[in-house]
């Protein structure tokens, strides 16, 4: 029962915090503190490019790791994969 009460309190605290954050954002926007869409798009474009770069890098690392796991007893041409 204590866990339930604790979880309910935690949820209520988060709810309060979230509502305050939303209200601060609304107040800021209403005061004219806005970021132009071209600035947002430029930042998003940079972020997407960085994520793509990291995905390609992770993918190539995974491919290299997988090729090192191939058993030396695998009798297939080097350009094929051996699955067990």
N, C-alpha and C. Protein backbone atom coordinates (compact mmCIF):
# COMPACT_ATOMS: atom_id res chain seq x y z
N UNK A 1 0.82 -1.20 0.00
CA UNK A 1 0.00 0.00 0.00
C UNK A 1 0.87 1.26 0.00
N UNK A 2 1.99 1.20 0.75
CA UNK A 2 2.87 2.36 0.78
C UNK A 2 3.46 2.64 -0.59
N UNK A 3 3.77 1.59 -1.33
CA UNK A 3 4.30 1.77 -2.69
C UNK A 3 3.29 2.48 -3.58
N UNK A 4 2.02 2.09 -3.43
CA UNK A 4 0.96 2.70 -4.22
C UNK A 4 0.84 4.19 -3.90
N UNK A 5 0.84 4.51 -2.62
CA UNK A 5 0.72 5.91 -2.18
C UNK A 5 1.94 6.70 -2.67
N UNK A 6 3.11 6.10 -2.54
CA UNK A 6 4.33 6.76 -3.00
C UNK A 6 4.26 7.04 -4.50
N UNK A 7 3.81 6.05 -5.27
CA UNK A 7 3.70 6.22 -6.73
C UNK A 7 2.68 7.29 -7.09
N UNK A 8 1.60 7.34 -6.35
CA UNK A 8 0.58 8.37 -6.61
C UNK A 8 1.14 9.76 -6.34
N UNK A 9 1.91 9.89 -5.25
CA UNK A 9 2.51 11.18 -4.92
C UNK A 9 3.54 11.59 -5.97
N UNK A 10 4.32 10.61 -6.41
CA UNK A 10 5.32 10.87 -7.45
C UNK A 10 4.65 11.35 -8.74
N UNK A 11 3.56 10.68 -9.10
CA UNK A 11 2.81 11.06 -10.30
C UNK A 11 2.23 12.46 -10.17
N UNK A 12 1.68 12.77 -9.00
CA UNK A 12 1.11 14.10 -8.77
C UNK A 12 2.20 15.17 -8.84
N UNK A 13 3.37 14.88 -8.27
CA UNK A 13 4.48 15.85 -8.31
C UNK A 13 4.92 16.10 -9.75
N UNK A 14 5.03 15.03 -10.52
CA UNK A 14 5.43 15.18 -11.93
C UNK A 14 4.38 15.99 -12.68
N UNK A 15 3.12 15.69 -12.43
CA UNK A 15 2.02 16.41 -13.08
C UNK A 15 2.12 17.91 -12.80
N UNK A 16 2.37 18.26 -11.54
CA UNK A 16 2.51 19.67 -11.17
C UNK A 16 3.70 20.30 -11.89
N UNK A 17 4.83 19.61 -11.89
CA UNK A 17 6.02 20.13 -12.54
C UNK A 17 5.76 20.34 -14.04
N UNK A 18 5.14 19.34 -14.67
CA UNK A 18 4.88 19.42 -16.11
C UNK A 18 3.97 20.60 -16.43
N UNK A 19 2.91 20.77 -15.66
CA UNK A 19 1.99 21.89 -15.89
C UNK A 19 2.70 23.24 -15.74
N UNK A 20 3.60 23.33 -14.75
CA UNK A 20 4.37 24.56 -14.57
C UNK A 20 5.25 24.84 -15.78
N UNK A 21 5.89 23.78 -16.30
CA UNK A 21 6.76 23.95 -17.47
C UNK A 21 5.95 24.41 -18.68
N UNK A 22 4.78 23.83 -18.88
CA UNK A 22 3.92 24.23 -20.00
C UNK A 22 3.50 25.68 -19.84
N UNK A 23 3.11 26.06 -18.62
CA UNK A 23 2.67 27.43 -18.39
C UNK A 23 3.82 28.41 -18.63
N UNK A 24 5.03 28.05 -18.20
CA UNK A 24 6.18 28.92 -18.45
C UNK A 24 6.41 29.10 -19.94
N UNK A 25 6.26 28.03 -20.70
CA UNK A 25 6.42 28.11 -22.15
C UNK A 25 5.36 28.98 -22.79
N UNK A 26 4.13 28.81 -22.34
CA UNK A 26 3.04 29.64 -22.88
C UNK A 26 3.25 31.11 -22.54
N UNK A 27 3.64 31.38 -21.30
CA UNK A 27 3.89 32.77 -20.89
C UNK A 27 5.03 33.39 -21.71
N UNK A 28 6.06 32.61 -21.95
CA UNK A 28 7.19 33.10 -22.72
C UNK A 28 6.77 33.39 -24.17
N UNK A 29 6.01 32.49 -24.75
CA UNK A 29 5.54 32.69 -26.13
C UNK A 29 4.62 33.90 -26.21
N UNK A 30 3.75 34.04 -25.24
CA UNK A 30 2.84 35.18 -25.23
C UNK A 30 3.58 36.51 -25.05
N UNK A 31 4.75 36.46 -24.42
CA UNK A 31 5.57 37.67 -24.24
C UNK A 31 6.39 37.98 -25.49
N UNK A 32 6.30 37.12 -26.51
CA UNK A 32 7.01 37.36 -27.75
C UNK A 32 8.37 36.70 -27.85
N UNK A 33 8.70 35.86 -26.88
CA UNK A 33 9.98 35.15 -26.91
C UNK A 33 9.85 33.91 -27.79
N UNK A 34 9.92 34.11 -29.10
CA UNK A 34 9.75 33.03 -30.05
C UNK A 34 11.01 32.86 -30.89
N UNK A 35 11.22 31.66 -31.38
CA UNK A 35 12.36 31.37 -32.26
C UNK A 35 11.81 31.26 -33.67
N UNK A 36 12.38 32.00 -34.62
CA UNK A 36 11.89 31.93 -36.00
C UNK A 36 12.00 30.50 -36.56
N UNK A 37 11.07 30.15 -37.41
CA UNK A 37 11.01 28.77 -37.94
C UNK A 37 12.26 28.40 -38.73
N UNK A 38 12.88 29.37 -39.42
CA UNK A 38 14.08 29.03 -40.19
C UNK A 38 15.25 28.67 -39.26
N UNK A 39 15.30 29.27 -38.09
CA UNK A 39 16.34 28.93 -37.11
C UNK A 39 16.08 27.53 -36.55
N UNK A 40 14.82 27.25 -36.25
CA UNK A 40 14.46 25.92 -35.74
C UNK A 40 14.78 24.87 -36.78
N UNK A 41 14.43 25.13 -38.02
CA UNK A 41 14.68 24.15 -39.10
C UNK A 41 16.17 23.94 -39.31
N UNK A 42 16.97 24.99 -39.23
CA UNK A 42 18.42 24.86 -39.40
C UNK A 42 19.01 23.99 -38.28
N UNK A 43 18.56 24.22 -37.06
CA UNK A 43 19.05 23.41 -35.93
C UNK A 43 18.59 21.96 -36.08
N UNK A 44 17.35 21.76 -36.50
CA UNK A 44 16.83 20.40 -36.68
C UNK A 44 17.57 19.69 -37.80
N UNK A 45 17.89 20.41 -38.84
CA UNK A 45 18.63 19.82 -39.96
C UNK A 45 20.01 19.35 -39.50
N UNK A 46 20.69 20.18 -38.71
CA UNK A 46 21.99 19.79 -38.17
C UNK A 46 21.86 18.57 -37.26
N UNK A 47 20.83 18.55 -36.43
CA UNK A 47 20.60 17.42 -35.52
C UNK A 47 20.35 16.14 -36.32
N UNK A 48 19.51 16.23 -37.37
CA UNK A 48 19.22 15.04 -38.17
C UNK A 48 20.48 14.51 -38.86
N UNK A 49 21.31 15.42 -39.36
CA UNK A 49 22.55 15.01 -40.02
C UNK A 49 23.47 14.30 -39.03
N UNK A 50 23.56 14.81 -37.82
CA UNK A 50 24.40 14.18 -36.79
C UNK A 50 23.87 12.80 -36.41
N UNK A 51 22.56 12.68 -36.29
CA UNK A 51 21.96 11.38 -35.96
C UNK A 51 22.22 10.38 -37.08
N UNK A 52 22.06 10.83 -38.33
CA UNK A 52 22.35 9.94 -39.47
C UNK A 52 23.80 9.49 -39.46
N UNK A 53 24.71 10.42 -39.19
CA UNK A 53 26.14 10.09 -39.14
C UNK A 53 26.41 9.04 -38.06
N UNK A 54 25.81 9.22 -36.89
CA UNK A 54 26.00 8.26 -35.80
C UNK A 54 25.40 6.90 -36.14
N UNK A 55 24.27 6.90 -36.83
CA UNK A 55 23.64 5.62 -37.22
C UNK A 55 24.52 4.87 -38.21
N UNK A 56 25.06 5.58 -39.18
CA UNK A 56 25.94 4.95 -40.17
C UNK A 56 27.19 4.41 -39.48
N UNK A 57 27.76 5.21 -38.58
CA UNK A 57 28.95 4.78 -37.86
C UNK A 57 28.65 3.54 -37.01
N UNK A 58 27.53 3.54 -36.30
CA UNK A 58 27.16 2.40 -35.47
C UNK A 58 26.90 1.17 -36.33
N UNK A 59 26.28 1.37 -37.47
CA UNK A 59 25.98 0.27 -38.38
C UNK A 59 27.27 -0.35 -38.91
N UNK A 60 28.22 0.49 -39.28
CA UNK A 60 29.48 -0.04 -39.81
C UNK A 60 30.28 -0.73 -38.72
N UNK A 61 30.22 -0.22 -37.50
CA UNK A 61 30.89 -0.89 -36.37
C UNK A 61 30.27 -2.25 -36.10
N UNK A 62 28.95 -2.31 -36.19
CA UNK A 62 28.26 -3.58 -35.95
C UNK A 62 28.64 -4.58 -37.04
N UNK A 63 28.73 -4.13 -38.27
CA UNK A 63 29.10 -5.03 -39.37
C UNK A 63 30.51 -5.57 -39.16
N UNK A 64 31.42 -4.71 -38.73
CA UNK A 64 32.79 -5.15 -38.47
C UNK A 64 32.79 -6.15 -37.32
N UNK A 65 32.04 -5.87 -36.26
CA UNK A 65 31.98 -6.77 -35.12
C UNK A 65 31.42 -8.13 -35.53
N UNK A 66 30.42 -8.13 -36.38
CA UNK A 66 29.82 -9.39 -36.82
C UNK A 66 30.79 -10.20 -37.66
N UNK A 67 31.59 -9.54 -38.50
CA UNK A 67 32.53 -10.29 -39.33
C UNK A 67 33.63 -10.91 -38.49
N UNK A 68 33.93 -10.32 -37.35
CA UNK A 68 34.96 -10.92 -36.49
C UNK A 68 34.42 -12.10 -35.71
N UNK A 69 33.10 -12.25 -35.68
CA UNK A 69 32.49 -13.37 -34.97
C UNK A 69 32.37 -14.62 -35.83
N UNK A 70 32.62 -14.49 -37.11
CA UNK A 70 32.49 -15.64 -38.01
C UNK A 70 33.54 -16.68 -37.63
N UNK A 71 33.10 -17.90 -37.53
CA UNK A 71 33.98 -19.00 -37.13
C UNK A 71 35.05 -19.26 -38.17
N UNK A 72 36.28 -19.56 -37.74
CA UNK A 72 37.32 -19.88 -38.71
C UNK A 72 37.05 -21.19 -39.46
N UNK A 73 36.12 -21.99 -38.97
CA UNK A 73 35.78 -23.24 -39.66
C UNK A 73 34.73 -23.03 -40.73
N UNK A 74 34.24 -21.81 -40.84
CA UNK A 74 33.22 -21.50 -41.84
C UNK A 74 33.86 -21.58 -43.23
N UNK A 75 33.30 -22.39 -44.11
CA UNK A 75 33.89 -22.62 -45.44
C UNK A 75 33.05 -21.96 -46.53
N UNK A 76 32.92 -20.66 -46.46
CA UNK A 76 32.21 -19.94 -47.51
C UNK A 76 33.14 -18.87 -48.05
N UNK A 77 32.91 -18.39 -49.25
CA UNK A 77 33.75 -17.32 -49.79
C UNK A 77 33.72 -16.10 -48.86
N UNK A 78 34.77 -15.31 -48.87
CA UNK A 78 34.92 -14.17 -47.97
C UNK A 78 33.80 -13.14 -48.13
N UNK A 79 33.20 -13.07 -49.31
CA UNK A 79 32.15 -12.06 -49.51
C UNK A 79 30.76 -12.58 -49.10
N UNK A 80 30.69 -13.76 -48.50
CA UNK A 80 29.43 -14.32 -48.00
C UNK A 80 29.49 -14.42 -46.50
N UNK A 81 28.33 -14.57 -45.88
CA UNK A 81 28.28 -14.71 -44.43
C UNK A 81 28.00 -16.15 -44.06
N UNK A 82 28.53 -16.54 -42.93
CA UNK A 82 28.31 -17.89 -42.43
C UNK A 82 27.45 -17.80 -41.18
N UNK A 83 26.30 -18.45 -41.16
CA UNK A 83 25.39 -18.42 -40.02
C UNK A 83 25.30 -19.79 -39.39
N UNK A 84 25.28 -19.83 -38.10
CA UNK A 84 25.14 -21.11 -37.39
C UNK A 84 23.85 -21.14 -36.62
